[in-house]
Amino acid sequence: MAAAGLCEEGENNQGNMSLGNVKEESDNKPLSTEKHISIQSRLEDLEALVDLNGAGRKPCPLCPEEKFKSCYSHKLRRHLQNLHWKVYVELQGQRMCICHLPCPTTKPSPPSEQTCRLVAHFHCVVCSGTITRKTDMISHLKRHTTRGETQASFSLDPDQDQDQDSAVCGRTLEIMKELGTNVQLMPNYSTPQKSDTYFSRKMKTNRQLVFCSLAVLAEERSPLEALDAFGATGIMGLQWAKHLRSSVKVTITDVSDTCVTMIRENCELNQIRVAPGAESGSGSGSGSGSGTGPETESGYINTVEVNKMDANVMMHLRPFDYIHLDPFGSAVNFLDAAFRNVRNLGVVSVTSTDTSSLYAKTPNVTLRHYGASVVRTEYYREMAARMVLDAVARAAARCNKGIDVLLSVAVEHFVLVVVRVLRGPSQADASMLRLRRLVHCQWCEERLFLRPGTQSDDTLPCSCQGTLPGKTSVTLGPLWSGPVFNPSFLRRMLEAAVRYSMEDVQPLLKTLLCESDCSLKTSSSLVECGVVIKTLQSDESGTDSSGKRKSTDEAPNLIKKFKSDSVEHPPFYYSIHRHSIRGTNIPKLNKFLQFLTDSGFRASRTHFDPTGVRTNADLEQFTQVLRKEEPSLKGGAKSEGREEPSLKGGRGGASKGVPDRYQTHLRLTWTWIINGLQRV
């Protein structure tokens, strides 16, 4: 138990927050070997403190004589159940009942509690401190759990000391398996502010997309050097090393000692060898070789280099072919270092989780991090992805490099962009020309990228600016105006997802592939889940019949082939619910896509919004097709003899292209203004 006591003392010295009402400070006192009588596992154990079967009056074991006088067994049993046991607080099977005894505090208490020793209180099973209120006790235990301190301060079992090797300083570890890779997790792994080894189960889609993009790059060049700049538990780098084997030399780095220790333990758990001398961070990755030779003979399947180093320092020291950035929050502080040493035609993937700034909830933070002006729109998810691409393109241009966008995804609580690096000033200039400002109409949600050198907002196809009072449009951005998908790269990612049995990410990749083409009519297609998707083509993916990479394809020609394999998809999308007509039924999304295709427009679903439609039609044409194909409800406007909604004039001669709900709001606003002027 001495080791556990030293462990608790070290953690108390490092803590910066007080747990509840108990002030934490280290002391040299050994942990208590006996638990307080108010801490029991069952009600029978609490009743066993007193012989309730005997005759005569008996005192309560948790109350002083002046508070509760001795009574008979039946009354004492009700007292223990209703007063003490009924208000217990539980932690891992140990129930802490309320105590009224004048107990001395084992740790310093606030002054208000030191003056009165007879108040009701709870005894903490972890630190043996006393807490007066039940709500404070619950918060106190939650803080213990968040920090991973769940071991009792007393010995529950005489043989407990023999199991100290399975827990680190009282922290129980959980083993989680994902994609055939096992990792150990701390009890507080889901709280990034309280844990260095943060792990999120919701980011499984992100990890699989990054894995597929690396697998595609491994087909082009082998072996390649890949960097997981923020290791945490190391699960992403371990998945690369375990499945891609000798084609990828994996380097995992993190700035935390706890994370580095956990990554090394997870390497042993997956039979992956840690490269010798990797902790120094110097060298060019020697030892991160393939899984053949001595490593295989000794039972290891691959070798991984693990470094304790800041991500910016690591990316400045060594070049890499693939770099993945996944910090907690925004990644803008690491983009310059990432593009400084990434090799030509390499790939950089960036995951941003600062959705509050990307989704226009905190515009001041958005302006500070990304230098862009934003408002909340119906296409805010795609605008967030284009905002990140704008920051990525600017960071690459500062290093005389351009980018080719391969993938952009905004689902759940993250935004992922994957770009290919093109070295040269001409490539950087071409990427900078893709950065433009966006004109957005706040009434009808119409939008249009400004042409280079254009500063006015008269280019919007809607007439809201001339027919409605005030300024209706705002200028947003700058944003990335080019395509956000690469169809050829997505097809090969889908092949990799099928090859490695990633069923969870395959529907998303199929939707992305359909969205990148933005067309329902393809030369060879199939229908899955109501969406038309191109079938996998070995010729278009640059592979022969055996599945191997064609050796005659050169890298520059490969990039040109990727860029020219299809027409660029239109930017942004329209929500069918946002622009529907009141009083009519909304058609099924698949039928409406067919309506747009029959009208001569390109149309497809979008993963950014389940009700969104990506099309090259403008808002007026989109609304016209929607009104033409929407069946009227029974008892609607046509059956009552009222005028059918018209695109040009609307109801009552309203403005063209303005939805009915905004026309009603406008009329009410003008009525309120006129009434106010008449009162004056």
Foldseek 3Di string as FASTA:
>chain_A
DVVLLVLVLVVLVPDDDQQQQFRGHHDPDAFDADDDLQKDLDLVSNLVVDPLVDDDWDDRPQADCVVPPTDHSVVNSCCCVPQWVVLWDDAPRITWTKGQDLDDFPGDGDPVCVVDSRAIWTQDQQRRGTGRDSVSVVSSVVVCLLLQRRDGSHDPDPCVVVCCVCADSNWHWDWDDDLNAIFIATSNQCDVVNALLHDDPVCNLVLLLLLLLVVLVLQVDFQFEEEEQRQSQPPSQVSCCVPVFQNYQYEYEHQDPVNLVRNCVSCVVSLEAEFPPLQVLDDARPRSGGQDDPSVVVRHHGYHRYYNDHSLVNLQRYEGQEYEEDDAADDLVRLLSNLQRYDAQGKYKYKHQNCCCQQAVPQVVVCVRQVKGDDHAPQSQLQSQQSVVSSNLVSNLVNQKAWDWAAWDRDDRMIMTMITIHHHNVRSVVQVLQFFKKKAFQFQGFIDTDHPPDDDDPPTPFCCCPAPPDHGIDIIDRGGNFFNHFLLSLLSSLVVCVVSVVPPNNVVSQQRNCQQQLAQDDPAWDADPLFIGHDRDCVLNQHDPVRHHDPPDDDVNVVVSRVPVHDGFHDTWDFQVVLAAPQWDFDDPSVLCVLCVVVPKRWGADPSDRRIIGIPDGLLVSSVSRLVPTGGDVVGQVVVPHDDADQPQGPPRDGHSGHPVVVVVSVVVVVVVVVVVVVD
